[in-house]
C-alpha atoms as a PDB file:
ATOM      1  CA  MET A   1      25.746  26.774   1.468  1.00  0.00           C
ATOM      2  CA  ALA A   2      25.690  28.324  -2.008  1.00  0.00           C
ATOM      3  CA  PHE A   3      27.511  31.549  -1.295  1.00  0.00           C
ATOM      4  CA  VAL A   4      27.605  32.618  -4.943  1.00  0.00           C
ATOM      5  CA  SER A   5      23.825  32.479  -5.101  1.00  0.00           C
ATOM      6  CA  LYS A   6      23.623  34.349  -1.818  1.00  0.00           C
ATOM      7  CA  TRP A   7      26.029  36.982  -3.135  1.00  0.00           C
ATOM      8  CA  PHE A   8      23.834  37.776  -6.108  1.00  0.00           C
ATOM      9  CA  GLY A   9      20.451  36.966  -4.666  1.00  0.00           C
ATOM     10  CA  PHE A  10      19.557  35.152  -7.892  1.00  0.00           C
ATOM     11  CA  GLY A  11      16.583  32.854  -7.555  1.00  0.00           C
ATOM     12  CA  GLN A  12      15.460  34.520  -4.338  1.00  0.00           C
ATOM     13  CA  ASP A  13      13.910  37.732  -5.655  1.00  0.00           C
ATOM     14  CA  ALA A  14      12.838  38.195  -9.270  1.00  0.00           C
ATOM     15  CA  ALA A  15      12.867  41.994  -9.076  1.00  0.00           C
ATOM     16  CA  PHE A  16      16.455  41.954  -7.847  1.00  0.00           C
ATOM     17  CA  ASP A  17      17.462  39.589 -10.665  1.00  0.00           C
ATOM     18  CA  ASP A  18      15.854  41.881 -13.243  1.00  0.00           C
ATOM     19  CA  GLY A  19      17.535  44.901 -11.680  1.00  0.00           C
ATOM     20  CA  VAL A  20      20.999  43.376 -11.907  1.00  0.00           C
ATOM     21  CA  ARG A  21      20.454  42.454 -15.557  1.00  0.00           C
ATOM     22  CA  ALA A  22      19.271  45.980 -16.379  1.00  0.00           C
ATOM     23  CA  PHE A  23      22.186  47.513 -14.465  1.00  0.00           C
ATOM     24  CA  GLU A  24      24.659  45.365 -16.392  1.00  0.00           C
ATOM     25  CA  LYS A  25      23.084  46.678 -19.613  1.00  0.00           C
ATOM     26  CA  ARG A  26      23.469  50.214 -18.178  1.00  0.00           C
ATOM     27  CA  SER A  27      19.713  50.718 -18.312  1.00  0.00           C
ATOM     28  CA  PHE A  28      19.785  52.576 -15.020  1.00  0.00           C
ATOM     29  CA  ARG A  29      16.204  53.887 -14.990  1.00  0.00           C
ATOM     30  CA  GLU A  30      14.844  50.414 -15.609  1.00  0.00           C
ATOM     31  CA  ALA A  31      17.218  48.958 -13.028  1.00  0.00           C
ATOM     32  CA  LEU A  32      16.141  51.570 -10.483  1.00  0.00           C
ATOM     33  CA  GLU A  33      12.499  50.542 -10.698  1.00  0.00           C
ATOM     34  CA  HIS A  34      13.345  46.860 -10.278  1.00  0.00           C
ATOM     35  CA  PHE A  35      15.567  47.549  -7.273  1.00  0.00           C
ATOM     36  CA  ARG A  36      12.899  49.752  -5.698  1.00  0.00           C
ATOM     37  CA  SER A  37      10.495  46.825  -6.035  1.00  0.00           C
ATOM     38  CA  SER A  38      13.044  44.533  -4.429  1.00  0.00           C
ATOM     39  CA  VAL A  39      13.559  46.892  -1.487  1.00  0.00           C
ATOM     40  CA  SER A  40       9.830  47.109  -0.845  1.00  0.00           C
ATOM     41  CA  GLY A  41       8.967  43.487  -1.573  1.00  0.00           C
ATOM     42  CA  SER A  42      11.860  41.129  -0.837  1.00  0.00           C
ATOM     43  CA  ALA A  43      11.531  38.903   2.219  1.00  0.00           C
ATOM     44  CA  ASP A  44      15.301  38.367   2.427  1.00  0.00           C
ATOM     45  CA  ARG A  45      16.997  41.146   4.396  1.00  0.00           C
ATOM     46  CA  ALA A  46      20.382  40.569   2.772  1.00  0.00           C
ATOM     47  CA  VAL A  47      18.898  40.872  -0.727  1.00  0.00           C
ATOM     48  CA  LYS A  48      16.879  43.910   0.372  1.00  0.00           C
ATOM     49  CA  ASP A  49      20.036  45.573   1.685  1.00  0.00           C
ATOM     50  CA  ARG A  50      21.923  44.881  -1.545  1.00  0.00           C
ATOM     51  CA  ALA A  51      18.987  46.224  -3.546  1.00  0.00           C
ATOM     52  CA  LYS A  52      19.040  49.394  -1.436  1.00  0.00           C
ATOM     53  CA  SER A  53      22.696  49.927  -2.337  1.00  0.00           C
ATOM     54  CA  TYR A  54      21.858  49.431  -5.999  1.00  0.00           C
ATOM     55  CA  VAL A  55      19.026  51.985  -5.697  1.00  0.00           C
ATOM     56  CA  ALA A  56      21.556  54.533  -4.450  1.00  0.00           C
ATOM     57  CA  GLY A  57      23.975  53.530  -7.209  1.00  0.00           C
ATOM     58  CA  CYS A  58      21.340  53.921  -9.934  1.00  0.00           C
ATOM     59  CA  LEU A  59      20.277  57.308  -8.593  1.00  0.00           C
ATOM     60  CA  GLY A  60      23.913  58.365  -8.533  1.00  0.00           C
ATOM     61  CA  ARG A  61      24.472  57.266 -12.134  1.00  0.00           C
ATOM     62  CA  LEU A  62      21.347  59.077 -13.309  1.00  0.00           C
ATOM     63  CA  ALA A  63      22.387  62.193 -11.380  1.00  0.00           C
ATOM     64  CA  ARG A  64      25.841  62.050 -12.955  1.00  0.00           C
ATOM     65  CA  ASP A  65      24.290  61.797 -16.433  1.00  0.00           C
ATOM     66  CA  GLN A  66      22.053  64.807 -15.789  1.00  0.00           C
ATOM     67  CA  TYR A  67      25.001  66.737 -14.373  1.00  0.00           C
ATOM     68  CA  ALA A  68      27.044  65.964 -17.493  1.00  0.00           C
ATOM     69  CA  GLY A  69      24.129  67.267 -19.571  1.00  0.00           C
ATOM     70  CA  ARG A  70      24.054  70.436 -17.436  1.00  0.00           C
ATOM     71  CA  LEU A  71      20.571  69.606 -16.168  1.00  0.00           C
ATOM     72  CA  PHE A  72      21.620  70.603 -12.689  1.00  0.00           C
ATOM     73  CA  ASP A  73      18.182  70.867 -11.054  1.00  0.00           C
ATOM     74  CA  ASP A  74      17.238  67.370 -12.206  1.00  0.00           C
ATOM     75  CA  ALA A  75      20.629  66.065 -11.092  1.00  0.00           C
ATOM     76  CA  TYR A  76      20.157  67.664  -7.679  1.00  0.00           C
ATOM     77  CA  GLY A  77      16.828  65.944  -7.062  1.00  0.00           C
ATOM     78  CA  LEU A  78      18.331  62.566  -7.905  1.00  0.00           C
ATOM     79  CA  ILE A  79      21.488  62.972  -5.831  1.00  0.00           C
ATOM     80  CA  ARG A  80      19.588  64.214  -2.781  1.00  0.00           C
ATOM     81  CA  GLU A  81      17.518  61.051  -2.867  1.00  0.00           C
ATOM     82  CA  ALA A  82      20.665  58.952  -3.327  1.00  0.00           C
ATOM     83  CA  THR A  83      22.350  60.420  -0.240  1.00  0.00           C
ATOM     84  CA  ASP A  84      19.129  59.904   1.728  1.00  0.00           C
ATOM     85  CA  VAL A  85      19.095  56.226   0.739  1.00  0.00           C
ATOM     86  CA  ARG A  86      22.781  55.621   1.497  1.00  0.00           C
ATOM     87  CA  PRO A  87      24.214  58.495   3.585  1.00  0.00           C
ATOM     88  CA  GLU A  88      27.329  56.411   4.239  1.00  0.00           C
ATOM     89  CA  PHE A  89      28.392  56.456   0.559  1.00  0.00           C
ATOM     90  CA  ALA A  90      31.110  59.110   0.299  1.00  0.00           C
ATOM     91  CA  ASP A  91      31.152  59.176  -3.506  1.00  0.00           C
ATOM     92  CA  LEU A  92      27.501  60.236  -3.569  1.00  0.00           C
ATOM     93  CA  TRP A  93      28.238  63.139  -1.227  1.00  0.00           C
ATOM     94  CA  LEU A  94      31.101  64.186  -3.478  1.00  0.00           C
ATOM     95  CA  LEU A  95      28.846  64.192  -6.538  1.00  0.00           C
ATOM     96  CA  ARG A  96      26.251  66.115  -4.545  1.00  0.00           C
ATOM     97  CA  SER A  97      28.898  68.717  -3.710  1.00  0.00           C
ATOM     98  CA  ARG A  98      29.774  69.127  -7.391  1.00  0.00           C
ATOM     99  CA  ILE A  99      26.137  69.563  -8.347  1.00  0.00           C
ATOM    100  CA  GLU A 100      25.556  72.061  -5.544  1.00  0.00           C
ATOM    101  CA  LYS A 101      28.591  74.037  -6.683  1.00  0.00           C
ATOM    102  CA  ALA A 102      27.170  74.130 -10.217  1.00  0.00           C
ATOM    103  CA  LEU A 103      23.897  75.467  -8.792  1.00  0.00           C
ATOM    104  CA  GLY A 104      25.718  78.176  -6.850  1.00  0.00           C
ATOM    105  CA  LYS A 105      24.894  76.556  -3.503  1.00  0.00           C
ATOM    106  CA  ARG A 106      28.311  77.194  -1.974  1.00  0.00           C
ATOM    107  CA  ASP A 107      27.486  76.486   1.668  1.00  0.00           C
ATOM    108  CA  GLU A 108      25.679  73.279   0.755  1.00  0.00           C
ATOM    109  CA  ALA A 109      28.559  72.204  -1.497  1.00  0.00           C
ATOM    110  CA  ARG A 110      31.028  72.702   1.333  1.00  0.00           C
ATOM    111  CA  PHE A 111      28.808  70.746   3.752  1.00  0.00           C
ATOM    112  CA  SER A 112      28.504  67.856   1.291  1.00  0.00           C
ATOM    113  CA  VAL A 113      32.233  67.573   0.623  1.00  0.00           C
ATOM    114  CA  GLU A 114      32.945  67.714   4.361  1.00  0.00           C
ATOM    115  CA  THR A 115      30.385  64.932   4.837  1.00  0.00           C
ATOM    116  CA  ALA A 116      32.207  62.857   2.217  1.00  0.00           C
ATOM    117  CA  LEU A 117      35.459  63.387   4.123  1.00  0.00           C
ATOM    118  CA  LYS A 118      33.808  62.533   7.426  1.00  0.00           C
ATOM    119  CA  VAL A 119      32.807  59.195   5.905  1.00  0.00           C
ATOM    120  CA  ASN A 120      36.272  58.679   4.383  1.00  0.00           C
ATOM    121  CA  PRO A 121      39.006  61.086   5.544  1.00  0.00           C
ATOM    122  CA  ARG A 122      41.407  59.617   2.962  1.00  0.00           C
ATOM    123  CA  TYR A 123      39.123  60.269  -0.018  1.00  0.00           C
ATOM    124  CA  GLY A 124      41.502  61.945  -2.453  1.00  0.00           C
ATOM    125  CA  ALA A 125      38.886  63.255  -4.880  1.00  0.00           C
ATOM    126  CA  ALA A 126      36.954  64.843  -2.001  1.00  0.00           C
ATOM    127  CA  LEU A 127      40.121  66.552  -0.770  1.00  0.00           C
ATOM    128  CA  VAL A 128      40.553  67.952  -4.278  1.00  0.00           C
ATOM    129  CA  MET A 129      36.962  69.194  -4.260  1.00  0.00           C
ATOM    130  CA  ARG A 130      37.448  70.787  -0.850  1.00  0.00           C
ATOM    131  CA  GLY A 131      40.500  72.562  -2.281  1.00  0.00           C
ATOM    132  CA  VAL A 132      38.557  73.783  -5.306  1.00  0.00           C
ATOM    133  CA  LEU A 133      35.838  75.222  -3.071  1.00  0.00           C
ATOM    134  CA  LEU A 134      38.400  76.932  -0.858  1.00  0.00           C
ATOM    135  CA  MET A 135      40.164  78.422  -3.870  1.00  0.00           C
ATOM    136  CA  ASN A 136      36.827  79.689  -5.166  1.00  0.00           C
ATOM    137  CA  GLU A 137      36.395  81.454  -1.830  1.00  0.00           C
ATOM    138  CA  GLY A 138      39.800  83.122  -2.142  1.00  0.00           C
ATOM    139  CA  GLU A 139      41.680  80.722   0.146  1.00  0.00           C
ATOM    140  CA  THR A 140      44.181  79.890  -2.582  1.00  0.00           C
ATOM    141  CA  GLN A 141      47.058  78.541  -0.497  1.00  0.00           C
ATOM    142  CA  ILE A 142      44.910  76.428   1.831  1.00  0.00           C
ATOM    143  CA  GLY A 143      42.902  75.207  -1.144  1.00  0.00           C
ATOM    144  CA  PHE A 144      46.001  74.217  -3.084  1.00  0.00           C
ATOM    145  CA  ARG A 145      47.327  72.259  -0.107  1.00  0.00           C
ATOM    146  CA  SER A 146      44.057  70.312   0.020  1.00  0.00           C
ATOM    147  CA  VAL A 147      44.300  69.517  -3.711  1.00  0.00           C
ATOM    148  CA  GLN A 148      47.914  68.467  -3.227  1.00  0.00           C
ATOM    149  CA  GLU A 149      46.960  66.222  -0.293  1.00  0.00           C
ATOM    150  CA  GLY A 150      44.247  64.602  -2.404  1.00  0.00           C
ATOM    151  CA  VAL A 151      46.746  63.745  -5.135  1.00  0.00           C
ATOM    152  CA  LYS A 152      49.041  62.187  -2.529  1.00  0.00           C
ATOM    153  CA  MET A 153      46.141  60.089  -1.241  1.00  0.00           C
ATOM    154  CA  ASP A 154      45.097  58.811  -4.676  1.00  0.00           C
ATOM    155  CA  ASP A 155      47.687  58.557  -7.442  1.00  0.00           C
ATOM    156  CA  ARG A 156      44.881  58.073  -9.984  1.00  0.00           C
ATOM    157  CA  LEU A 157      44.431  61.838  -9.675  1.00  0.00           C
ATOM    158  CA  VAL A 158      47.839  62.442 -11.235  1.00  0.00           C
ATOM    159  CA  SER A 159      46.783  63.632 -14.679  1.00  0.00           C
ATOM    160  CA  LYS A 160      47.279  66.358 -17.250  1.00  0.00           C
ATOM    161  CA  ASN A 161      44.874  68.532 -15.260  1.00  0.00           C
ATOM    162  CA  TRP A 162      46.970  68.157 -12.115  1.00  0.00           C
ATOM    163  CA  ILE A 163      50.271  68.762 -13.912  1.00  0.00           C
ATOM    164  CA  GLU A 164      49.005  71.830 -15.763  1.00  0.00           C
ATOM    165  CA  GLY A 165      47.171  73.123 -12.700  1.00  0.00           C
ATOM    166  CA  GLU A 166      50.186  72.785 -10.425  1.00  0.00           C
ATOM    167  CA  ARG A 167      52.392  74.522 -13.004  1.00  0.00           C
ATOM    168  CA  ALA A 168      49.920  77.395 -13.283  1.00  0.00           C
ATOM    169  CA  PHE A 169      49.624  77.676  -9.516  1.00  0.00           C
ATOM    170  CA  ARG A 170      53.402  77.800  -9.035  1.00  0.00           C
ATOM    171  CA  SER A 171      53.586  80.606 -11.604  1.00  0.00           C
ATOM    172  CA  GLY A 172      50.871  82.588  -9.819  1.00  0.00           C
ATOM    173  CA  ASP A 173      48.118  81.992 -12.386  1.00  0.00           C
ATOM    174  CA  PHE A 174      45.502  80.935  -9.855  1.00  0.00           C
ATOM    175  CA  LEU A 175      42.508  81.143 -12.202  1.00  0.00           C
ATOM    176  CA  THR A 176      44.064  78.717 -14.687  1.00  0.00           C
ATOM    177  CA  ALA A 177      45.094  76.445 -11.819  1.00  0.00           C
ATOM    178  CA  LEU A 178      41.556  76.444 -10.471  1.00  0.00           C
ATOM    179  CA  SER A 179      40.049  75.624 -13.867  1.00  0.00           C
ATOM    180  CA  GLU A 180      42.406  72.642 -14.188  1.00  0.00           C
ATOM    181  CA  PHE A 181      41.725  71.388 -10.665  1.00  0.00           C
ATOM    182  CA  GLU A 182      37.971  71.579 -11.273  1.00  0.00           C
ATOM    183  CA  GLU A 183      38.371  68.959 -14.014  1.00  0.00           C
ATOM    184  CA  MET A 184      40.278  66.466 -11.870  1.00  0.00           C
ATOM    185  CA  GLU A 185      38.681  63.098 -11.227  1.00  0.00           C
ATOM    186  CA  PRO A 186      40.281  59.677 -10.654  1.00  0.00           C
ATOM    187  CA  ARG A 187      40.459  57.352 -13.641  1.00  0.00           C
ATOM    188  CA  GLY A 188      37.985  54.481 -13.325  1.00  0.00           C
ATOM    189  CA  SER A 189      36.430  56.212 -10.329  1.00  0.00           C
ATOM    190  CA  ASP A 190      32.779  55.138 -10.563  1.00  0.00           C
ATOM    191  CA  ILE A 191      32.487  52.934  -7.508  1.00  0.00           C
ATOM    192  CA  HIS A 192      29.157  51.416  -8.474  1.00  0.00           C
ATOM    193  CA  ASP A 193      30.512  50.371 -11.866  1.00  0.00           C
ATOM    194  CA  LEU A 194      33.428  48.702 -10.080  1.00  0.00           C
ATOM    195  CA  ILE A 195      31.050  46.865  -7.754  1.00  0.00           C
ATOM    196  CA  SER A 196      29.086  45.623 -10.759  1.00  0.00           C
ATOM    197  CA  GLN A 197      32.328  44.411 -12.366  1.00  0.00           C
ATOM    198  CA  ALA A 198      33.248  42.546  -9.188  1.00  0.00           C
ATOM    199  CA  ASP A 199      29.818  40.929  -9.139  1.00  0.00           C
ATOM    200  CA  GLY A 200      30.360  39.807 -12.726  1.00  0.00           C
ATOM    201  CA  PHE A 201      33.698  38.188 -11.880  1.00  0.00           C
ATOM    202  CA  ALA A 202      32.145  36.477  -8.867  1.00  0.00           C
ATOM    203  CA  LYS A 203      29.290  35.152 -10.961  1.00  0.00           C
ATOM    204  CA  ARG A 204      31.848  33.552 -13.294  1.00  0.00           C
ATOM    205  CA  GLY A 205      33.852  32.167 -10.371  1.00  0.00           C
ATOM    206  CA  ASN A 206      36.865  34.415 -10.960  1.00  0.00           C
ATOM    207  CA  TRP A 207      37.417  35.093  -7.278  1.00  0.00           C
ATOM    208  CA  PRO A 208      40.929  36.621  -7.474  1.00  0.00           C
ATOM    209  CA  ALA A 209      39.661  39.246  -9.922  1.00  0.00           C
ATOM    210  CA  ALA A 210      36.607  39.924  -7.752  1.00  0.00           C
ATOM    211  CA  VAL A 211      38.820  40.361  -4.687  1.00  0.00           C
ATOM    212  CA  ALA A 212      41.143  42.754  -6.524  1.00  0.00           C
ATOM    213  CA  ILE A 213      38.300  45.002  -7.674  1.00  0.00           C
ATOM    214  CA  LEU A 214      36.568  44.963  -4.300  1.00  0.00           C
ATOM    215  CA  GLU A 215      39.805  45.962  -2.609  1.00  0.00           C
ATOM    216  CA  SER A 216      40.050  48.978  -4.911  1.00  0.00           C
ATOM    217  CA  VAL A 217      36.482  49.888  -3.943  1.00  0.00           C
ATOM    218  CA  ILE A 218      37.293  49.491  -0.247  1.00  0.00           C
ATOM    219  CA  GLU A 219      40.295  51.772  -0.601  1.00  0.00           C
ATOM    220  CA  ALA A 220      37.989  54.518  -1.878  1.00  0.00           C
ATOM    221  CA  ALA A 221      34.945  53.622   0.237  1.00  0.00           C
ATOM    222  CA  PRO A 222      35.999  51.846   3.443  1.00  0.00           C
ATOM    223  CA  THR A 223      32.599  52.156   5.132  1.00  0.00           C
ATOM    224  CA  TYR A 224      30.537  50.258   2.513  1.00  0.00           C
ATOM    225  CA  ALA A 225      29.377  47.411   4.737  1.00  0.00           C
ATOM    226  CA  ASP A 226      27.858  45.332   1.940  1.00  0.00           C
ATOM    227  CA  VAL A 227      31.088  45.602  -0.079  1.00  0.00           C
ATOM    228  CA  ARG A 228      33.009  44.391   2.962  1.00  0.00           C
ATOM    229  CA  VAL A 229      30.695  41.377   3.115  1.00  0.00           C
ATOM    230  CA  ARG A 230      31.167  40.583  -0.568  1.00  0.00           C
ATOM    231  CA  HIS A 231      34.920  40.918  -0.093  1.00  0.00           C
ATOM    232  CA  GLY A 232      34.726  38.438   2.771  1.00  0.00           C
ATOM    233  CA  GLN A 233      32.641  36.016   0.728  1.00  0.00           C
ATOM    234  CA  ALA A 234      35.166  36.119  -2.105  1.00  0.00           C
ATOM    235  CA  LEU A 235      38.009  35.500   0.332  1.00  0.00           C
ATOM    236  CA  MET A 236      36.089  32.528   1.747  1.00  0.00           C
ATOM    237  CA  GLU A 237      35.874  31.083  -1.744  1.00  0.00           C
ATOM    238  CA  LEU A 238      39.668  31.412  -1.946  1.00  0.00           C
ATOM    239  CA  GLY A 239      40.058  29.692   1.426  1.00  0.00           C
ATOM    240  CA  ASP A 240      41.484  32.783   3.135  1.00  0.00           C
ATOM    241  CA  LEU A 241      39.390  32.508   6.290  1.00  0.00           C
ATOM    242  CA  ASP A 242      41.386  34.894   8.475  1.00  0.00           C
ATOM    243  CA  ARG A 243      41.080  37.765   6.011  1.00  0.00           C
ATOM    244  CA  ALA A 244      37.440  36.877   5.384  1.00  0.00           C
ATOM    245  CA  ASN A 245      36.761  37.188   9.097  1.00  0.00           C
ATOM    246  CA  GLN A 246      38.478  40.576   9.140  1.00  0.00           C
ATOM    247  CA  ALA A 247      36.267  41.693   6.258  1.00  0.00           C
ATOM    248  CA  PHE A 248      33.113  40.699   8.141  1.00  0.00           C
ATOM    249  CA  GLN A 249      34.368  42.478  11.263  1.00  0.00           C
ATOM    250  CA  HIS A 250      34.823  45.639   9.200  1.00  0.00           C
ATOM    251  CA  ALA A 251      31.255  45.192   7.936  1.00  0.00           C
ATOM    252  CA  VAL A 252      29.740  45.067  11.423  1.00  0.00           C
ATOM    253  CA  ALA A 253      31.902  48.008  12.494  1.00  0.00           C
ATOM    254  CA  ALA A 254      30.294  50.005   9.673  1.00  0.00           C
ATOM    255  CA  ASN A 255      26.813  48.565  10.295  1.00  0.00           C
ATOM    256  CA  PRO A 256      26.424  47.008  13.778  1.00  0.00           C
ATOM    257  CA  GLU A 257      23.061  45.463  12.833  1.00  0.00           C
ATOM    258  CA  PHE A 258      24.267  43.661   9.694  1.00  0.00           C
ATOM    259  CA  ALA A 259      22.903  40.154  10.276  1.00  0.00           C
ATOM    260  CA  GLU A 260      24.525  38.742   7.149  1.00  0.00           C
ATOM    261  CA  ALA A 261      27.999  39.708   8.352  1.00  0.00           C
ATOM    262  CA  TYR A 262      27.483  38.089  11.759  1.00  0.00           C
ATOM    263  CA  ALA A 263      26.157  34.921  10.131  1.00  0.00           C
ATOM    264  CA  LEU A 264      29.169  34.647   7.832  1.00  0.00           C
ATOM    265  CA  MET A 265      31.517  35.281  10.746  1.00  0.00           C
ATOM    266  CA  GLY A 266      29.839  32.284  12.327  1.00  0.00           C
ATOM    267  CA  VAL A 267      30.449  30.156   9.244  1.00  0.00           C
ATOM    268  CA  VAL A 268      34.136  31.124   9.290  1.00  0.00           C
ATOM    269  CA  ALA A 269      34.409  30.305  12.996  1.00  0.00           C
ATOM    270  CA  ARG A 270      32.794  26.909  12.449  1.00  0.00           C
ATOM    271  CA  ARG A 271      35.198  26.127   9.602  1.00  0.00           C
ATOM    272  CA  GLN A 272      38.014  27.009  11.999  1.00  0.00           C
ATOM    273  CA  ASN A 273      36.529  24.609  14.589  1.00  0.00           C
ATOM    274  CA  ASP A 274      35.638  27.416  16.998  1.00  0.00           C
ATOM    275  CA  GLU A 275      32.135  26.245  17.819  1.00  0.00           C
ATOM    276  CA  GLU A 276      31.450  28.640  20.693  1.00  0.00           C
ATOM    277  CA  THR A 277      32.313  31.698  18.629  1.00  0.00           C
ATOM    278  CA  ALA A 278      30.284  30.316  15.730  1.00  0.00           C
ATOM    279  CA  MET A 279      27.174  29.904  17.859  1.00  0.00           C
ATOM    280  CA  SER A 280      27.615  33.361  19.357  1.00  0.00           C
ATOM    281  CA  CYS A 281      27.783  34.877  15.869  1.00  0.00           C
ATOM    282  CA  PHE A 282      24.732  32.961  14.640  1.00  0.00           C
ATOM    283  CA  ARG A 283      22.711  34.096  17.658  1.00  0.00           C
ATOM    284  CA  LYS A 284      23.840  37.674  17.095  1.00  0.00           C
ATOM    285  CA  ALA A 285      22.688  37.464  13.475  1.00  0.00           C
ATOM    286  CA  MET A 286      19.292  36.200  14.606  1.00  0.00           C
ATOM    287  CA  GLU A 287      18.908  39.120  17.009  1.00  0.00           C
ATOM    288  CA  PHE A 288      18.699  41.367  13.969  1.00  0.00           C
ATOM    289  CA  ASP A 289      17.061  38.906  11.570  1.00  0.00           C
ATOM    290  CA  PRO A 290      15.282  36.030  13.383  1.00  0.00           C
ATOM    291  CA  HIS A 291      14.729  34.181  10.108  1.00  0.00           C
ATOM    292  CA  HIS A 292      18.182  34.663   8.609  1.00  0.00           C
ATOM    293  CA  PRO A 293      18.665  31.615   6.333  1.00  0.00           C
ATOM    294  CA  ILE A 294      22.311  30.929   7.210  1.00  0.00           C
ATOM    295  CA  ALA A 295      22.120  31.594  10.949  1.00  0.00           C
ATOM    296  CA  SER A 296      18.854  29.741  11.524  1.00  0.00           C
ATOM    297  CA  GLN A 297      20.099  26.697   9.600  1.00  0.00           C
ATOM    298  CA  GLU A 298      23.443  26.590  11.404  1.00  0.00           C
ATOM    299  CA  VAL A 299      21.852  26.966  14.858  1.00  0.00           C
ATOM    300  CA  LEU A 300      19.605  23.998  14.110  1.00  0.00           C
ATOM    301  CA  TYR A 301      22.668  22.030  13.018  1.00  0.00           C
ATOM    302  CA  ARG A 302      24.226  22.584  16.439  1.00  0.00           C
ATOM    303  CA  ARG A 303      21.048  21.541  18.211  1.00  0.00           C
ATOM    304  CA  LYS A 304      20.767  18.388  16.155  1.00  0.00           C
ATOM    305  CA  TYR A 305      24.328  17.261  16.655  1.00  0.00           C
END
């Protein structure tokens, strides 16, 4: 089974292929249209699911660009669609919260950051944002503790803004502290860029590098089921079957109907000579996708032999 091809979907859906190429060139509007076509037209559920994640990623990137250009209304329309497409992506909820704050939508901003933290309670940047919102509402001590907790969760948040903001807060200059905390964001924090980098390493067969990047994504976004699957695939390529199986289990915990994850769990079980578990996983995959290419092939293999 050509897992690298399966990872990328190349050769299975032309729109997806074109979308990945455009995304790698950072042509996000062009990529978005290709991925939309893939979602609506691809016959392969795994490719369709990956394309859906890329749609959310493109919308998020476009929203971030509009936000940076202070086009807040345009940014808001894009990020609302992104969170509708992938409500389990905490980073999109965090960006939505920032945009809502810029628009003066305080209640909505608080709801969005709390949603991000519901998805990932250890999301340092979201804890910082929660603190900023609380400080804006006059809850300076509680807000500062949330910012402080966020920095403890993610050491990438330790920056000049944090150092200057903490110093100002300790001296009682809460307005300066707040302005510094509002600028805090982890270095290299764009999750969808990191995913694209991991895909690039995988395409070139650099599996250790792909694993390392995916693990940094998982740390920030533990509920991304498709990232868990890609992590498992990379670990399979490295021969680490036990950890690969754990990755696929995390994927189905996040998305109980993820046929691809069940099918790959079956492949791992078969490689470990656990035929009964393998067949159970393949059948489970086919419950959700009766024509899944891996599961249907492997079930026939059992019947034949």
